[in-house]
N, C-alpha and C. Protein backbone atom coordinates (compact mmCIF):
# COMPACT_ATOMS: atom_id res chain seq x y z
N MET A 1 -2.20 2.96 13.15
CA MET A 1 -1.57 1.94 14.14
C MET A 1 -1.80 0.68 13.90
N ALA A 2 -0.94 -0.27 13.33
CA ALA A 2 -1.71 -1.99 13.25
C ALA A 2 -1.56 -2.41 14.86
N ASP A 3 -2.61 -3.43 15.14
CA ASP A 3 -2.53 -4.13 16.72
C ASP A 3 -1.22 -4.85 16.59
N VAL A 4 -1.28 -5.33 15.49
CA VAL A 4 0.13 -6.50 14.55
C VAL A 4 0.97 -5.87 14.14
N ILE A 5 2.22 -5.88 14.30
CA ILE A 5 3.50 -6.21 13.70
C ILE A 5 4.14 -6.54 13.06
N VAL A 6 5.18 -7.01 12.11
CA VAL A 6 6.11 -7.80 11.70
C VAL A 6 6.93 -7.21 11.32
N TYR A 7 8.36 -7.38 12.07
CA TYR A 7 9.61 -7.30 11.43
C TYR A 7 10.24 -7.97 10.71
N SER A 8 10.51 -7.85 9.34
CA SER A 8 11.26 -9.27 9.02
C SER A 8 12.44 -8.46 7.67
N THR A 9 12.77 -9.61 7.11
CA THR A 9 13.61 -8.54 5.84
C THR A 9 13.10 -10.11 4.62
N ASN A 10 13.62 -9.79 3.37
CA ASN A 10 12.91 -10.34 2.43
C ASN A 10 13.87 -11.58 2.21
N THR A 11 14.73 -12.09 3.00
CA THR A 11 15.43 -13.34 3.29
C THR A 11 15.34 -14.48 4.06
N CYS A 12 14.21 -13.46 5.24
CA CYS A 12 14.28 -14.69 6.37
C CYS A 12 12.81 -15.68 5.98
N PRO A 13 13.42 -17.04 6.52
CA PRO A 13 12.45 -18.24 6.18
C PRO A 13 11.39 -18.11 7.06
N TYR A 14 11.93 -17.29 8.59
CA TYR A 14 10.79 -17.86 9.66
C TYR A 14 10.34 -16.49 9.57
N CYS A 15 10.34 -15.44 8.65
CA CYS A 15 9.11 -14.54 8.74
C CYS A 15 8.65 -14.46 7.63
N VAL A 16 8.38 -15.24 6.79
CA VAL A 16 7.22 -15.65 5.61
C VAL A 16 6.61 -16.68 6.95
N MET A 17 7.48 -17.14 7.41
CA MET A 17 6.25 -19.11 8.11
C MET A 17 5.23 -17.91 9.33
N ALA A 18 6.25 -17.05 10.12
CA ALA A 18 5.36 -16.24 10.70
C ALA A 18 4.19 -15.29 10.20
N LYS A 19 4.21 -14.80 9.16
CA LYS A 19 3.34 -13.88 8.34
C LYS A 19 2.60 -15.15 7.55
N GLN A 20 2.91 -16.01 7.04
CA GLN A 20 1.73 -16.87 6.52
C GLN A 20 0.50 -17.69 7.54
N TRP A 21 1.13 -17.76 8.91
CA TRP A 21 0.23 -18.43 9.96
C TRP A 21 -0.16 -17.33 9.89
N LEU A 22 -0.18 -16.12 10.64
CA LEU A 22 -0.55 -14.78 10.34
C LEU A 22 -1.82 -14.77 9.43
N LYS A 23 -1.90 -15.23 8.13
CA LYS A 23 -3.01 -14.72 7.45
C LYS A 23 -3.65 -16.19 7.71
N GLU A 24 -3.35 -17.36 7.78
CA GLU A 24 -4.30 -18.55 8.10
C GLU A 24 -5.39 -18.23 9.09
N LYS A 25 -4.49 -17.15 10.26
CA LYS A 25 -5.43 -16.86 11.23
C LYS A 25 -6.25 -16.00 10.91
N LYS A 26 -5.94 -15.23 9.97
CA LYS A 26 -6.47 -14.01 9.39
C LYS A 26 -6.92 -13.01 10.42
N VAL A 27 -5.29 -12.69 10.64
CA VAL A 27 -4.86 -11.46 11.77
C VAL A 27 -4.01 -10.34 10.97
N GLU A 28 -4.89 -9.55 10.04
CA GLU A 28 -4.29 -8.30 10.01
C GLU A 28 -3.25 -7.62 10.84
N PHE A 29 -2.03 -7.62 9.56
CA PHE A 29 -0.44 -7.10 10.24
C PHE A 29 0.35 -5.81 9.81
N GLU A 30 0.99 -5.32 10.01
CA GLU A 30 1.89 -4.14 9.19
C GLU A 30 2.96 -4.94 8.74
N GLU A 31 3.49 -5.54 7.77
CA GLU A 31 4.55 -5.73 7.68
C GLU A 31 6.08 -4.85 7.28
N VAL A 32 6.90 -5.26 7.65
CA VAL A 32 8.01 -3.24 8.31
C VAL A 32 9.30 -4.63 7.86
N ASN A 33 9.80 -4.31 6.58
CA ASN A 33 10.92 -4.80 6.12
C ASN A 33 11.96 -3.61 6.47
N VAL A 34 12.84 -4.21 7.50
CA VAL A 34 13.37 -3.49 8.14
C VAL A 34 14.98 -4.11 7.49
N GLY A 35 14.91 -4.56 6.73
CA GLY A 35 16.49 -4.40 5.32
C GLY A 35 16.35 -3.28 4.63
N THR A 36 15.23 -2.77 4.74
CA THR A 36 14.98 -1.72 3.60
C THR A 36 14.45 -0.14 4.91
N ASP A 37 14.31 -0.42 5.49
CA ASP A 37 14.09 0.68 5.98
C ASP A 37 14.98 0.64 7.55
N GLN A 38 15.91 1.52 7.65
CA GLN A 38 16.92 2.03 8.57
C GLN A 38 15.95 2.27 10.24
N GLU A 39 15.08 3.01 10.05
CA GLU A 39 14.44 4.09 10.84
C GLU A 39 13.63 2.71 11.86
N ARG A 40 12.95 1.85 10.73
CA ARG A 40 11.61 1.18 11.50
C ARG A 40 12.74 0.10 12.14
N ALA A 41 14.04 -0.47 11.39
CA ALA A 41 14.97 -1.14 11.97
C ALA A 41 15.39 -0.76 13.70
N ARG A 42 15.43 0.65 13.42
CA ARG A 42 15.75 1.14 14.87
C ARG A 42 14.66 0.86 15.84
N GLU A 43 13.72 1.23 15.58
CA GLU A 43 12.86 1.37 16.00
C GLU A 43 12.40 -0.51 16.62
N MET A 44 12.29 -1.22 15.93
CA MET A 44 12.45 -2.99 16.38
C MET A 44 13.28 -2.82 17.61
N ILE A 45 14.52 -2.79 17.02
CA ILE A 45 15.74 -3.01 18.16
C ILE A 45 15.39 -2.54 18.80
N LYS A 46 15.09 -0.99 19.79
CA LYS A 46 14.52 -0.22 20.62
C LYS A 46 13.46 -1.14 21.42
N LYS A 47 12.90 -2.09 20.53
CA LYS A 47 11.42 -2.58 21.36
C LYS A 47 12.13 -3.98 21.96
N SER A 48 12.90 -4.44 21.32
CA SER A 48 12.74 -6.08 21.41
C SER A 48 14.74 -6.30 21.67
N GLY A 49 15.52 -5.09 21.72
CA GLY A 49 16.64 -5.46 22.24
C GLY A 49 17.76 -6.56 21.35
N GLN A 50 17.46 -6.48 20.02
CA GLN A 50 17.72 -8.00 19.11
C GLN A 50 17.65 -7.23 17.61
N MET A 51 18.44 -7.65 17.06
CA MET A 51 18.81 -7.16 15.44
C MET A 51 18.34 -8.54 14.49
N GLY A 52 18.16 -9.38 14.98
CA GLY A 52 17.86 -10.52 14.47
C GLY A 52 16.09 -10.38 14.09
N VAL A 53 15.47 -11.20 13.12
CA VAL A 53 14.16 -11.28 13.10
C VAL A 53 13.42 -12.55 12.86
N PRO A 54 12.42 -13.11 12.51
CA PRO A 54 11.55 -12.25 13.14
C PRO A 54 10.84 -11.39 14.57
N VAL A 55 10.78 -10.49 14.56
CA VAL A 55 10.19 -9.39 15.85
C VAL A 55 9.04 -9.28 15.83
N ILE A 56 7.90 -9.89 16.05
CA ILE A 56 6.33 -9.84 16.19
C ILE A 56 6.37 -8.61 17.69
N ASP A 57 5.20 -7.64 17.05
CA ASP A 57 4.58 -6.70 17.97
C ASP A 57 3.26 -6.91 18.07
N ILE A 58 2.69 -7.73 19.53
CA ILE A 58 1.37 -7.84 18.60
C ILE A 58 0.77 -7.20 20.67
N LYS A 59 0.69 -5.85 19.78
CA LYS A 59 -0.48 -4.51 20.97
C LYS A 59 0.49 -4.14 22.50
N GLY A 60 2.49 -4.31 21.85
CA GLY A 60 3.42 -4.23 22.67
C GLY A 60 3.90 -5.40 23.59
N ASP A 61 3.03 -6.78 23.42
CA ASP A 61 4.09 -8.01 23.52
C ASP A 61 4.63 -8.06 22.12
N ILE A 62 6.16 -7.95 22.75
CA ILE A 62 7.25 -8.73 21.86
C ILE A 62 7.55 -10.06 21.70
N ILE A 63 7.81 -10.67 20.95
CA ILE A 63 7.77 -12.00 20.58
C ILE A 63 9.12 -11.77 19.55
N ILE A 64 10.00 -12.38 20.13
CA ILE A 64 11.18 -12.49 19.31
C ILE A 64 11.33 -14.12 18.64
N GLY A 65 11.35 -14.06 17.20
CA GLY A 65 11.38 -15.73 16.27
C GLY A 65 9.75 -15.80 16.34
N PHE A 66 9.61 -16.72 15.46
CA PHE A 66 8.42 -17.69 15.46
C PHE A 66 7.71 -18.89 16.18
N ASP A 67 7.37 -17.85 17.22
CA ASP A 67 7.08 -18.97 18.45
C ASP A 67 5.24 -18.98 18.24
N ARG A 68 4.84 -19.79 17.84
CA ARG A 68 3.78 -20.45 17.81
C ARG A 68 2.96 -19.70 19.02
N PRO A 69 3.08 -20.47 20.33
CA PRO A 69 2.68 -20.95 21.01
C PRO A 69 2.62 -19.55 21.83
N LYS A 70 3.45 -18.47 22.29
CA LYS A 70 3.24 -17.44 23.04
C LYS A 70 2.80 -16.57 21.47
N MET A 71 2.75 -16.73 19.99
CA MET A 71 1.87 -15.38 19.50
C MET A 71 0.66 -15.97 19.47
N GLU A 72 0.07 -16.61 19.78
CA GLU A 72 -1.22 -17.29 20.21
C GLU A 72 -1.60 -17.38 21.29
N ASN A 73 -0.98 -17.19 22.47
CA ASN A 73 -1.33 -17.01 23.41
C ASN A 73 -1.63 -15.13 23.45
N SER A 74 -0.26 -14.42 23.06
CA SER A 74 -0.73 -12.94 23.41
C SER A 74 -2.48 -12.92 21.90
N LEU A 75 -2.10 -13.25 20.81
CA LEU A 75 -3.41 -12.67 20.34
C LEU A 75 -4.79 -13.27 21.62
N LYS A 76 -4.66 -14.04 21.55
CA LYS A 76 -5.71 -14.39 22.72
C LYS A 76 -6.26 -13.76 23.60
N THR A 77 -4.97 -13.51 24.39
CA THR A 77 -5.43 -12.28 25.72
C THR A 77 -5.13 -10.92 24.87
N LYS A 78 -4.99 -10.43 24.05
CA LYS A 78 -5.10 -8.92 23.73
C LYS A 78 -6.40 -8.98 22.95
N GLY A 79 -6.92 -10.29 23.02
CA GLY A 79 -8.53 -9.95 22.12
C GLY A 79 -8.56 -10.16 20.42
N ILE A 80 -7.33 -10.14 19.96
CA ILE A 80 -7.32 -10.34 18.50
C ILE A 80 -7.80 -11.52 17.79
N VAL A 81 -7.69 -12.44 18.65
CA VAL A 81 -8.06 -14.04 17.86
C VAL A 81 -9.17 -14.71 19.18
N LYS A 82 -9.52 -15.66 18.70
CA LYS A 82 -10.76 -15.90 19.90
C LYS A 82 -10.03 -17.30 20.07
């Protein structure tokens, strides 16, 4: 299982921005398209309480939306980036 999971859809511009930001940081992540995978969509809702995307799971830290400061802090505290 990946340390970072990005729950997204094909039509979400903030999902694209979050994934691009993670790529720029050279952070490996699992991309889950909740528009096509209903089981994983239910998993996302259970974790976050939200139906909106993106939802980013960083080693159990759940971040709703493309929130760079929260993502940066979580990646650092979880030891994924320096």
